[in-house]
Amino acid sequence: MILSRRELLTLFLGAPLAAAACREKPRVFPDGEIVGQSAELGHVLREMRSFEVPTDNWETKQIAIIGGGIAGLSAAWKLKNSGVNDFVVLELEKEAGGTSSSTAGTPVGYPWAAHYLPVPFKENADLIELLSEMSLLDGVNSDGEPVAKEQYLCREPEERIFYKGRWYEGLYLHAGESEEDKRQYAEFYRHVDHWVNWRDASGKRAFVLPVESCSTDTEVTQLDRITFADWLTQNGLTSERLRWYCDYACRDDYGLKVDQTSAWAGLFYFCSRVRKSGVESQPFITVPEGNGQFANYFLSKVGEHVRRSQMVVSVVPNENGVDVITLQNGELRGIRSKKVIYSAPIFTAPYVIRGFQTDATFNAAAFQHNAWFVANLQLKDRPKPRFAKDFPMAWDNVLYESQSLGYVTATHQKGIDYGPTVLTYYYPMCEDPNGRTTLFNYDWKQLADVCLTDLSRAHPDIYELTSRIDIMRWGHAMISPRPNFIWSGIREKAEKPHRNIHFAHTDLGGIALFEEAFYHGLRAAKKVS
């Protein structure tokens, strides 16, 4: 269905802004294009075709890793560090990294999705090993907790929010709040403090990374049975501002609204990064290219093993191991491997692994993903403040009255506060039940129109300042922690190998975070080496 411009903007941004935008004179659009994400190639898998590889196109490897996102690259890094070299990483896209991919640009690089990593707790030894190897740490504090080097910690000001024509500090909107809003905000954080301090009989925390380390006590896991919105209501937390704040958190980390997100996942967002009540959340490690720094580091270590633009069309378990068939530029090639690490999204398993549908060891369809689009805007200069007392441009800039997540300023971490910059804009398709289909129905100019119109509410000069806007559509951006998924038992079943195929993906944690992908990549590597 073809929508008019007003209908398109209404769908993405709401009727008032759409009406105002359509009353304005036509704008001159900057250059740009749709980048990444081979949607058309991915759909070939659904055809379930048979593939015959020419005899001369076969080779042998000990291990084949399917998927070059963080889980696959982490597995490769672990294998390499363990002395294993007979492996290959097969990546569908032209560039590896998955949602941690980035682009080297001017004046700085910029991310295409994930843009930070909280400093881990001291118990996460494997992740601390990686950060130490990358020279991102500056030792430990008096409690033995890792300390990140100052230049990698998110620079102040960290966050601001736009509301009714003004920018304010922070993500929670304190401006104009009532006494009841204040009371409920404090009450909410009393609940957060309770769960931060909570321990089960064996001393496990309710919420921590990786999810594998979380308590499985019923008192905690029963939170997965209801939505976060229902949990808020049950606890008398009805403040519009607080509900928006929690909704933003769910959209930001999960691509879901508060009434779509498991209450367990909602509380996980607020509790898992806090060491103990009364202290701040763990600080963020970030650079202009976001988590691209980790993907790039892995590639610097295992890049010779990575094959890009390799579409895995068939994985065939047999008595000798696993045959992996790939398609590149119309040519079929095959790899006879002893074992496979399957680090592609879990829902694809029935379409790729031959015989899986008739001999499934878990319900792959339960691993539901959501859709996003991310736009990187190259600006000739900074937007002009609308008011002298506006809170200044921050690292993370959020629009209260928008369905988007606002933008991250790529130059912020480098202390480049004047002149050209890059803004990374995020829009999760959680308002639309057919978000994936809707997203791929629209072209670059339509999505650019959504982005620029949205940002124009805070920056009227955004059209004149933007010299280029490139857009990436993530059809299957990340796992959706809806109610009755994380603690349903499905994830645990998928962690077990299917014959000689070992699954490793952030999907297995139910939470789409770097820490989960890293954990499962290492777990699988240890199993196959």
Protein backbone atom coordinates (compact mmCIF):
# COMPACT_ATOMS: atom_id res chain seq x y z
CA MET A 1 0.00 0.00 0.00
CA ILE A 2 1.39 3.40 -1.03
CA LEU A 3 0.91 6.12 1.61
CA SER A 4 0.82 9.86 1.09
CA ARG A 5 3.52 11.89 2.83
CA ARG A 6 1.06 12.95 5.53
CA GLU A 7 -0.01 9.34 6.12
CA LEU A 8 3.62 8.22 6.28
CA LEU A 9 4.62 10.90 8.79
CA THR A 10 1.47 10.26 10.83
CA LEU A 11 2.35 6.55 11.03
CA PHE A 12 5.89 7.22 12.24
CA LEU A 13 5.63 10.54 14.08
CA GLY A 14 1.99 11.22 14.91
CA ALA A 15 -0.69 13.41 13.36
CA PRO A 16 0.21 16.86 14.84
CA LEU A 17 3.80 16.85 13.59
CA ALA A 18 2.74 15.34 10.24
CA ALA A 19 0.16 18.09 9.70
CA ALA A 20 2.66 20.82 10.59
CA ALA A 21 5.33 19.35 8.29
CA CYS A 22 2.95 19.11 5.36
CA ARG A 23 2.02 22.79 5.72
CA GLU A 24 5.64 23.83 5.25
CA LYS A 25 7.29 24.53 1.91
CA PRO A 26 9.00 21.53 0.27
CA ARG A 27 12.52 20.98 1.59
CA VAL A 28 15.70 20.23 -0.36
CA PHE A 29 16.92 16.77 0.62
CA PRO A 30 20.59 15.91 1.19
CA ASP A 31 22.35 13.03 -0.54
CA GLY A 32 22.26 9.51 0.86
CA GLU A 33 21.28 5.89 0.36
CA ILE A 34 20.09 2.67 1.98
CA VAL A 35 23.13 0.68 3.16
CA GLY A 36 23.78 -2.85 4.47
CA GLN A 37 21.38 -5.67 5.30
CA SER A 38 20.91 -8.15 2.46
CA ALA A 39 17.16 -8.61 2.89
CA GLU A 40 16.63 -10.09 -0.55
CA LEU A 41 19.38 -12.67 -0.09
CA GLY A 42 18.02 -13.63 3.32
CA HIS A 43 14.63 -14.43 1.83
CA VAL A 44 16.23 -17.11 -0.39
CA LEU A 45 16.41 -19.28 2.73
CA ARG A 46 12.64 -19.42 2.99
CA GLU A 47 12.45 -21.18 -0.37
CA MET A 48 14.07 -24.31 1.14
CA ARG A 49 15.81 -25.23 -2.11
CA SER A 50 18.26 -28.09 -2.62
CA PHE A 51 21.82 -27.17 -3.53
CA GLU A 52 24.36 -29.26 -5.47
CA VAL A 53 27.98 -28.19 -4.99
CA PRO A 54 30.46 -29.02 -7.79
CA THR A 55 33.00 -31.62 -6.69
CA ASP A 56 35.94 -29.23 -7.08
CA ASN A 57 34.27 -26.62 -4.85
CA TRP A 58 34.54 -28.57 -1.59
CA GLU A 59 37.11 -27.97 1.17
CA THR A 60 37.65 -29.27 4.70
CA LYS A 61 37.73 -27.30 7.98
CA GLN A 62 37.71 -28.41 11.60
CA ILE A 63 35.15 -25.76 12.58
CA ALA A 64 32.79 -23.54 10.57
CA ILE A 65 31.32 -20.48 12.30
CA ILE A 66 28.10 -19.26 10.69
CA GLY A 67 27.58 -15.56 11.32
CA GLY A 68 30.15 -12.82 11.83
CA GLY A 69 28.37 -10.78 14.49
CA ILE A 70 29.80 -10.39 17.99
CA ALA A 71 28.96 -13.98 19.00
CA GLY A 72 30.71 -15.44 15.95
CA LEU A 73 33.70 -13.11 16.22
CA SER A 74 33.97 -13.80 19.96
CA ALA A 75 34.02 -17.53 19.26
CA ALA A 76 36.71 -17.03 16.62
CA TRP A 77 38.79 -14.89 19.03
CA LYS A 78 38.51 -17.58 21.72
CA LEU A 79 39.48 -20.37 19.32
CA LYS A 80 42.48 -18.39 18.11
CA ASN A 81 43.61 -17.65 21.67
CA SER A 82 43.26 -21.37 22.46
CA GLY A 83 45.59 -22.33 19.63
CA VAL A 84 42.89 -23.48 17.21
CA ASN A 85 43.43 -22.17 13.67
CA ASP A 86 41.55 -24.57 11.41
CA PHE A 87 38.28 -22.63 11.30
CA VAL A 88 36.39 -20.22 9.07
CA VAL A 89 33.83 -17.49 9.81
CA LEU A 90 31.09 -17.12 7.19
CA GLU A 91 29.36 -13.72 7.10
CA LEU A 92 26.34 -12.87 4.94
CA GLU A 93 27.03 -9.14 4.75
CA LYS A 94 29.82 -7.24 3.03
CA GLU A 95 31.11 -6.22 6.47
CA ALA A 96 31.26 -8.32 9.63
CA GLY A 97 30.14 -7.11 13.06
CA GLY A 98 26.35 -7.45 12.95
CA THR A 99 24.68 -4.81 15.10
CA SER A 100 28.14 -3.74 16.28
CA SER A 101 29.20 -2.72 12.78
CA SER A 102 30.43 0.81 12.12
CA THR A 103 31.78 3.08 9.40
CA ALA A 104 35.04 5.05 9.32
CA GLY A 105 33.91 8.58 8.49
CA THR A 106 34.79 12.26 8.76
CA PRO A 107 35.44 13.83 11.24
CA VAL A 108 34.97 10.53 13.17
CA GLY A 109 33.63 7.04 12.67
CA TYR A 110 30.06 6.19 13.66
CA PRO A 111 28.00 3.12 14.65
CA TRP A 112 25.15 1.39 12.85
CA ALA A 113 23.48 0.17 16.05
CA ALA A 114 25.14 -0.70 19.39
CA HIS A 115 27.13 2.22 20.75
CA TYR A 116 28.30 1.43 24.30
CA LEU A 117 29.29 -1.25 26.80
CA PRO A 118 28.84 -0.83 30.58
CA VAL A 119 31.99 -1.53 32.59
CA PRO A 120 31.49 -5.16 33.73
CA PHE A 121 31.39 -6.34 37.33
CA LYS A 122 34.55 -8.08 38.58
CA GLU A 123 32.86 -11.49 38.35
CA ASN A 124 32.72 -11.27 34.54
CA ALA A 125 36.32 -12.45 34.17
CA ASP A 126 36.16 -13.34 30.47
CA LEU A 127 34.92 -9.90 29.45
CA ILE A 128 37.49 -8.23 31.69
CA GLU A 129 40.15 -10.30 29.92
CA LEU A 130 39.01 -8.89 26.58
CA LEU A 131 38.97 -5.30 27.85
CA SER A 132 42.44 -5.75 29.35
CA GLU A 133 43.76 -7.20 26.10
CA MET A 134 42.36 -4.15 24.29
CA SER A 135 44.08 -1.83 26.81
CA LEU A 136 40.76 -0.26 27.81
CA LEU A 137 41.24 -0.76 31.56
CA ASP A 138 43.27 1.15 34.13
CA GLY A 139 43.50 -1.54 36.80
CA VAL A 140 41.00 -2.18 39.60
CA ASN A 141 39.66 -0.15 42.52
CA SER A 142 39.83 -0.95 46.24
CA ASP A 143 36.91 -3.39 45.86
CA GLY A 144 38.59 -5.25 43.01
CA GLU A 145 36.23 -3.80 40.42
CA PRO A 146 37.68 -2.99 36.98
CA VAL A 147 38.29 0.67 36.20
CA ALA A 148 38.08 1.83 32.59
CA LYS A 149 40.55 4.38 31.27
CA GLU A 150 39.11 7.87 31.42
CA GLN A 151 39.26 8.48 27.65
CA TYR A 152 36.93 5.54 27.02
CA LEU A 153 34.30 6.50 29.61
CA CYS A 154 31.30 8.40 28.29
CA ARG A 155 32.06 12.09 28.46
CA GLU A 156 29.75 14.59 30.15
CA PRO A 157 27.15 15.77 29.46
CA GLU A 158 25.85 12.26 28.93
CA GLU A 159 22.11 12.72 28.32
CA ARG A 160 19.47 15.33 27.68
CA ILE A 161 15.76 15.34 26.81
CA PHE A 162 13.71 17.64 24.57
CA TYR A 163 10.24 18.60 25.80
CA LYS A 164 7.89 21.34 24.61
CA GLY A 165 10.57 23.35 22.84
CA ARG A 166 13.36 23.06 25.43
CA TRP A 167 16.28 20.76 26.22
CA TYR A 168 16.69 19.51 29.81
CA GLU A 169 19.38 17.48 31.52
CA GLY A 170 18.97 13.72 31.96
CA LEU A 171 16.52 11.14 30.58
CA TYR A 172 13.79 11.41 33.19
CA LEU A 173 11.73 14.58 32.69
CA HIS A 174 11.84 16.43 36.02
CA ALA A 175 10.75 19.79 34.57
CA GLY A 176 7.15 20.49 35.60
CA GLU A 177 6.71 17.27 37.57
CA SER A 178 4.06 17.15 40.29
CA GLU A 179 4.54 16.02 43.88
CA GLU A 180 2.84 12.74 42.94
CA ASP A 181 5.27 12.28 40.06
CA LYS A 182 8.15 12.77 42.51
CA ARG A 183 6.65 10.30 44.99
CA GLN A 184 6.16 7.61 42.35
CA TYR A 185 9.64 8.12 40.92
CA ALA A 186 11.12 7.60 44.40
CA GLU A 187 8.86 4.59 44.96
CA PHE A 188 9.96 3.03 41.69
CA TYR A 189 13.60 3.30 42.72
CA ARG A 190 12.80 1.73 46.08
CA HIS A 191 11.67 -1.31 44.10
CA VAL A 192 14.85 -1.14 42.01
CA ASP A 193 16.99 -0.98 45.17
CA HIS A 194 15.15 -4.02 46.55
CA TRP A 195 15.99 -6.10 43.50
CA VAL A 196 19.57 -4.79 43.27
CA ASN A 197 20.19 -5.98 46.85
CA TRP A 198 18.15 -9.20 46.55
CA ARG A 199 20.00 -12.54 46.71
CA ASP A 200 18.68 -16.09 46.56
CA ALA A 201 19.66 -18.90 48.93
CA SER A 202 22.86 -19.56 46.99
CA GLY A 203 23.83 -15.88 46.87
CA LYS A 204 22.87 -15.24 43.24
CA ARG A 205 21.62 -11.83 42.13
CA ALA A 206 18.20 -11.43 40.56
CA PHE A 207 19.58 -9.48 37.59
CA VAL A 208 23.14 -9.56 36.30
CA LEU A 209 25.12 -10.10 33.11
CA PRO A 210 25.40 -12.60 31.60
CA VAL A 211 21.84 -13.85 32.12
CA GLU A 212 23.28 -17.32 32.78
CA SER A 213 24.44 -15.97 36.18
CA CYS A 214 20.97 -14.74 37.22
CA SER A 215 18.96 -16.46 39.93
CA THR A 216 16.35 -18.97 38.79
CA ASP A 217 14.37 -18.58 42.02
CA THR A 218 10.61 -18.50 41.35
CA GLU A 219 10.29 -15.14 43.12
CA VAL A 220 12.34 -13.65 40.31
CA THR A 221 11.40 -15.74 37.28
CA GLN A 222 7.66 -15.24 37.83
CA LEU A 223 8.24 -11.62 36.78
CA ASP A 224 8.64 -12.99 33.26
CA ARG A 225 4.96 -13.99 33.16
CA ILE A 226 3.58 -10.44 33.00
CA THR A 227 4.39 -7.27 31.11
CA PHE A 228 6.41 -4.46 32.61
CA ALA A 229 3.35 -2.22 32.21
CA ASP A 230 1.28 -4.64 34.29
CA TRP A 231 3.99 -4.76 36.96
CA LEU A 232 4.00 -0.96 37.17
CA THR A 233 0.21 -0.89 37.50
CA GLN A 234 0.21 -3.61 40.16
CA ASN A 235 2.61 -1.48 42.19
CA GLY A 236 0.56 1.69 41.82
CA LEU A 237 3.09 3.33 39.49
CA THR A 238 0.84 5.22 37.10
CA SER A 239 2.70 8.53 36.67
CA GLU A 240 2.76 9.47 32.99
CA ARG A 241 6.37 10.62 33.24
CA LEU A 242 7.50 7.45 34.97
CA ARG A 243 5.63 5.29 32.46
CA TRP A 244 7.30 7.19 29.61
CA TYR A 245 10.70 6.70 31.25
CA CYS A 246 10.15 2.94 31.56
CA ASP A 247 8.74 2.79 28.04
CA TYR A 248 11.82 4.57 26.72
CA ALA A 249 14.05 2.05 28.52
CA CYS A 250 12.24 -0.87 26.87
CA ARG A 251 12.35 0.73 23.42
CA ASP A 252 16.01 1.59 23.86
CA ASP A 253 17.33 -1.85 24.90
CA TYR A 254 14.68 -4.19 23.48
CA GLY A 255 12.85 -2.44 20.64
CA LEU A 256 9.59 -3.06 22.53
CA LYS A 257 7.09 -0.85 24.32
CA VAL A 258 6.50 -1.17 28.04
CA ASP A 259 3.29 -3.15 27.46
CA GLN A 260 5.13 -5.60 25.17
CA THR A 261 8.13 -6.24 27.43
CA SER A 262 8.45 -8.88 30.11
CA ALA A 263 8.50 -7.35 33.60
CA TRP A 264 11.66 -9.38 34.25
CA ALA A 265 13.36 -7.73 31.26
CA GLY A 266 12.07 -4.29 32.29
CA LEU A 267 13.56 -4.58 35.76
CA PHE A 268 16.72 -6.12 34.31
CA TYR A 269 17.35 -2.84 32.46
CA PHE A 270 17.38 -0.84 35.70
CA CYS A 271 18.98 -3.40 38.06
CA SER A 272 21.62 -5.39 36.19
CA ARG A 273 24.09 -2.51 35.83
CA VAL A 274 23.97 -1.38 39.48
CA ARG A 275 26.45 -3.00 41.87
CA LYS A 276 24.51 -2.17 45.03
CA SER A 277 21.77 0.25 46.06
CA GLY A 278 22.92 3.79 46.64
CA VAL A 279 25.57 3.73 43.91
CA GLU A 280 25.30 4.82 40.30
CA SER A 281 24.94 2.44 37.37
CA GLN A 282 28.16 1.16 35.85
CA PRO A 283 29.73 3.81 33.59
CA PHE A 284 29.67 3.33 29.83
CA ILE A 285 32.68 2.49 27.67
CA THR A 286 32.22 4.18 24.30
CA VAL A 287 34.08 5.63 21.33
CA PRO A 288 32.72 7.44 18.24
CA GLU A 289 32.20 4.18 16.32
CA GLY A 290 30.39 2.65 19.30
CA ASN A 291 30.73 -1.11 19.69
CA GLY A 292 32.38 -1.14 16.29
CA GLN A 293 35.60 -0.87 18.30
CA PHE A 294 35.05 -4.44 19.53
CA ALA A 295 34.10 -5.83 16.13
CA ASN A 296 37.15 -4.14 14.61
CA TYR A 297 39.41 -5.50 17.33
CA PHE A 298 38.19 -9.05 16.81
CA LEU A 299 38.69 -8.64 13.07
CA SER A 300 42.26 -7.45 13.64
CA LYS A 301 42.91 -10.78 15.38
CA VAL A 302 40.88 -13.23 13.27
CA GLY A 303 40.24 -11.32 10.04
CA GLU A 304 42.15 -13.87 7.92
CA HIS A 305 39.52 -16.46 8.88
CA VAL A 306 36.51 -14.28 7.97
CA ARG A 307 34.82 -14.63 4.59
CA ARG A 308 32.36 -11.87 3.79
CA SER A 309 29.37 -11.92 1.41
CA GLN A 310 29.03 -15.65 2.06
CA MET A 311 25.41 -16.68 2.30
CA VAL A 312 25.06 -20.01 4.10
CA VAL A 313 22.16 -21.70 2.30
CA SER A 314 22.34 -25.19 3.76
CA VAL A 315 23.81 -26.90 6.82
CA VAL A 316 23.68 -30.69 6.61
CA PRO A 317 24.56 -32.79 9.68
CA ASN A 318 25.89 -36.26 8.82
CA GLU A 319 27.80 -39.14 10.36
CA ASN A 320 31.14 -37.46 9.62
CA GLY A 321 30.29 -34.01 10.93
CA VAL A 322 28.50 -31.14 9.21
CA ASP A 323 28.49 -30.01 5.57
CA VAL A 324 28.06 -26.26 5.09
CA ILE A 325 27.02 -24.92 1.68
CA THR A 326 27.49 -21.26 0.78
CA LEU A 327 26.44 -19.06 -2.10
CA GLN A 328 28.60 -16.18 -3.31
CA ASN A 329 28.09 -14.30 -6.56
CA GLY A 330 25.96 -17.15 -7.86
CA GLU A 331 28.61 -19.82 -7.12
CA LEU A 332 27.98 -22.68 -4.70
CA ARG A 333 30.83 -23.84 -2.48
CA GLY A 334 30.96 -26.41 0.31
CA ILE A 335 32.85 -26.91 3.57
CA ARG A 336 33.10 -30.32 5.21
CA SER A 337 33.54 -29.53 8.91
CA LYS A 338 33.73 -31.58 12.05
CA LYS A 339 31.66 -29.07 14.05
CA VAL A 340 29.67 -25.92 13.45
CA ILE A 341 29.09 -22.87 15.63
CA TYR A 342 25.75 -21.44 14.53
CA SER A 343 25.94 -17.76 15.49
CA ALA A 344 23.21 -16.54 13.15
CA PRO A 345 19.80 -15.54 14.59
CA ILE A 346 18.21 -18.65 16.09
CA PHE A 347 14.90 -18.33 14.22
CA THR A 348 16.75 -19.09 10.95
CA ALA A 349 17.75 -22.61 12.05
CA PRO A 350 14.76 -24.44 10.47
CA TYR A 351 15.42 -22.72 7.13
CA VAL A 352 19.13 -23.52 7.02
CA ILE A 353 19.71 -26.78 8.93
CA ARG A 354 18.48 -29.72 6.89
CA GLY A 355 16.19 -32.02 8.83
CA PHE A 356 15.77 -29.59 11.72
CA GLN A 357 12.04 -29.13 11.19
CA THR A 358 11.36 -32.86 11.51
CA ASP A 359 13.87 -33.40 14.32
CA ALA A 360 13.78 -30.08 16.18
CA THR A 361 15.40 -29.97 19.60
CA PHE A 362 13.73 -26.64 20.44
CA ASN A 363 11.10 -24.23 19.13
CA ALA A 364 13.08 -21.84 16.93
CA ALA A 365 9.94 -19.82 16.10
CA ALA A 366 9.77 -18.68 19.75
CA PHE A 367 12.86 -16.52 19.13
CA GLN A 368 11.05 -13.43 17.86
CA HIS A 369 12.93 -10.40 16.55
CA ASN A 370 11.94 -6.79 15.99
CA ALA A 371 12.72 -4.23 13.31
CA TRP A 372 14.56 -0.88 13.47
CA PHE A 373 16.03 1.67 11.19
CA VAL A 374 19.19 3.62 11.97
CA ALA A 375 20.20 6.80 10.14
CA ASN A 376 23.59 8.49 10.22
CA LEU A 377 23.35 12.20 9.44
CA GLN A 378 26.50 14.07 8.42
CA LEU A 379 26.16 17.71 9.52
CA LYS A 380 28.15 20.68 8.25
CA ASP A 381 27.78 22.37 11.63
CA ARG A 382 25.93 22.04 14.94
CA PRO A 383 22.25 22.92 15.24
CA LYS A 384 21.77 26.34 16.82
CA PRO A 385 20.31 26.37 20.36
CA ARG A 386 16.73 27.63 20.40
CA PHE A 387 17.15 29.20 23.83
CA ALA A 388 20.25 30.52 25.57
CA LYS A 389 19.49 28.45 28.68
CA ASP A 390 18.94 25.18 26.81
CA PHE A 391 20.92 22.24 28.13
CA PRO A 392 23.83 21.75 25.67
CA MET A 393 24.20 18.95 23.13
CA ALA A 394 25.00 15.69 24.90
CA TRP A 395 26.15 12.22 23.91
CA ASP A 396 22.57 10.87 23.99
CA ASN A 397 19.78 13.25 22.92
CA VAL A 398 16.18 12.10 23.36
CA LEU A 399 12.88 13.59 22.18
CA TYR A 400 10.14 13.12 24.79
CA GLU A 401 7.26 13.47 22.34
CA SER A 402 8.75 11.22 19.65
CA GLN A 403 8.37 7.52 18.88
CA SER A 404 12.07 7.48 17.98
CA LEU A 405 14.96 7.17 20.43
CA GLY A 406 16.54 10.45 19.33
CA TYR A 407 20.22 10.46 18.42
CA VAL A 408 23.77 9.91 19.64
CA THR A 409 26.43 12.51 18.80
CA ALA A 410 29.43 10.65 17.36
CA THR A 411 31.94 13.48 17.90
CA HIS A 412 30.99 13.99 21.56
CA GLN A 413 33.38 11.42 23.00
CA LYS A 414 36.33 13.03 21.22
CA GLY A 415 35.54 16.43 22.72
CA ILE A 416 34.79 17.91 19.30
CA ASP A 417 32.06 20.36 20.29
CA TYR A 418 32.10 22.68 17.28
CA GLY A 419 31.88 22.32 13.53
CA PRO A 420 30.93 19.20 11.52
CA THR A 421 29.52 16.18 13.33
CA VAL A 422 27.62 12.94 12.79
CA LEU A 423 24.30 12.21 14.47
CA THR A 424 23.17 8.57 14.74
CA TYR A 425 19.35 8.42 14.83
CA TYR A 426 17.45 5.35 16.05
CA TYR A 427 13.86 4.35 15.31
CA PRO A 428 12.43 1.03 16.62
CA MET A 429 9.31 -0.22 14.79
CA CYS A 430 7.53 -1.23 18.01
CA GLU A 431 4.36 0.79 17.33
CA ASP A 432 3.57 -1.31 14.25
CA PRO A 433 2.63 -5.02 14.63
CA ASN A 434 3.88 -5.52 11.06
CA GLY A 435 6.98 -3.40 11.61
CA ARG A 436 9.35 -5.47 9.49
CA THR A 437 7.07 -5.47 6.46
CA THR A 438 6.26 -1.80 6.94
CA LEU A 439 9.92 -0.85 7.18
CA PHE A 440 10.93 -2.55 3.93
CA ASN A 441 7.99 -1.01 2.09
CA TYR A 442 9.63 2.42 2.26
CA ASP A 443 12.58 3.77 0.33
CA TRP A 444 15.48 5.97 1.38
CA LYS A 445 13.73 9.30 0.77
CA GLN A 446 10.66 8.34 2.78
CA LEU A 447 12.69 7.18 5.78
CA ALA A 448 14.99 10.20 5.49
CA ASP A 449 11.86 12.37 5.52
CA VAL A 450 10.73 10.68 8.75
CA CYS A 451 14.13 11.22 10.38
CA LEU A 452 14.56 14.86 9.33
CA THR A 453 10.96 15.80 10.14
CA ASP A 454 11.29 14.23 13.58
CA LEU A 455 14.54 16.03 14.37
CA SER A 456 13.21 19.33 13.01
CA ARG A 457 10.95 19.65 16.05
CA ALA A 458 14.12 20.25 18.11
CA HIS A 459 16.40 21.50 15.34
CA PRO A 460 14.55 23.64 12.75
CA ASP A 461 17.82 24.07 10.81
CA ILE A 462 18.47 20.32 10.46
CA TYR A 463 17.69 20.27 6.70
CA GLU A 464 20.16 23.04 5.92
CA LEU A 465 22.89 21.50 8.10
CA THR A 466 22.62 17.89 6.85
CA SER A 467 24.86 17.19 3.87
CA ARG A 468 24.21 13.44 3.76
CA ILE A 469 21.97 10.87 5.42
CA ASP A 470 22.55 7.13 5.06
CA ILE A 471 20.06 4.62 6.43
CA MET A 472 20.31 0.99 7.51
CA ARG A 473 17.14 -1.08 7.86
CA TRP A 474 17.46 -3.84 10.45
CA GLY A 475 14.67 -6.28 9.61
CA HIS A 476 15.67 -8.66 12.41
CA ALA A 477 17.47 -6.23 14.69
CA MET A 478 17.41 -8.12 17.97
CA ILE A 479 15.60 -10.63 20.16
CA SER A 480 12.32 -9.52 21.77
CA PRO A 481 12.06 -10.36 25.51
CA ARG A 482 8.29 -10.61 25.54
CA PRO A 483 6.48 -12.23 28.50
CA ASN A 484 6.90 -15.99 28.92
CA PHE A 485 10.07 -16.24 26.86
CA ILE A 486 13.19 -15.70 28.96
CA TRP A 487 12.28 -18.20 31.67
CA SER A 488 10.11 -20.53 29.58
CA GLY A 489 12.88 -23.13 29.19
CA ILE A 490 13.19 -22.52 25.45
CA ARG A 491 16.54 -20.75 25.69
CA GLU A 492 18.08 -23.54 27.74
CA LYS A 493 17.04 -26.16 25.17
CA ALA A 494 18.61 -24.12 22.36
CA GLU A 495 21.93 -24.00 24.21
CA LYS A 496 22.27 -27.75 23.73
CA PRO A 497 23.90 -28.86 20.45
CA HIS A 498 21.85 -30.22 17.58
CA ARG A 499 24.09 -33.12 16.60
CA ASN A 500 27.44 -31.37 15.88
CA ILE A 501 25.91 -27.90 15.59
CA HIS A 502 26.45 -25.62 18.60
CA PHE A 503 24.30 -22.50 18.84
CA ALA A 504 25.84 -19.20 19.91
CA HIS A 505 23.94 -15.94 19.62
CA THR A 506 22.71 -13.14 21.85
CA ASP A 507 19.23 -14.62 21.26
CA LEU A 508 20.14 -17.36 23.74
CA GLY A 509 20.25 -14.84 26.58
CA GLY A 510 16.90 -13.34 25.62
CA ILE A 511 18.56 -9.92 25.92
CA ALA A 512 20.26 -8.32 22.90
CA LEU A 513 23.40 -7.02 24.57
CA PHE A 514 27.10 -7.32 23.75
CA GLU A 515 27.74 -9.21 26.99
CA GLU A 516 25.29 -11.95 25.98
CA ALA A 517 26.71 -12.39 22.48
CA PHE A 518 30.24 -12.49 23.91
CA TYR A 519 29.31 -15.03 26.58
CA HIS A 520 27.61 -17.41 24.16
CA GLY A 521 30.37 -17.09 21.59
CA LEU A 522 32.95 -18.13 24.19
CA ARG A 523 30.69 -20.89 25.54
CA ALA A 524 30.34 -22.46 22.10
CA ALA A 525 34.06 -22.09 21.34
CA LYS A 526 34.94 -23.98 24.52
CA LYS A 527 32.54 -26.77 23.54
CA VAL A 528 33.95 -27.33 20.05
CA SER A 529 37.68 -26.91 20.75
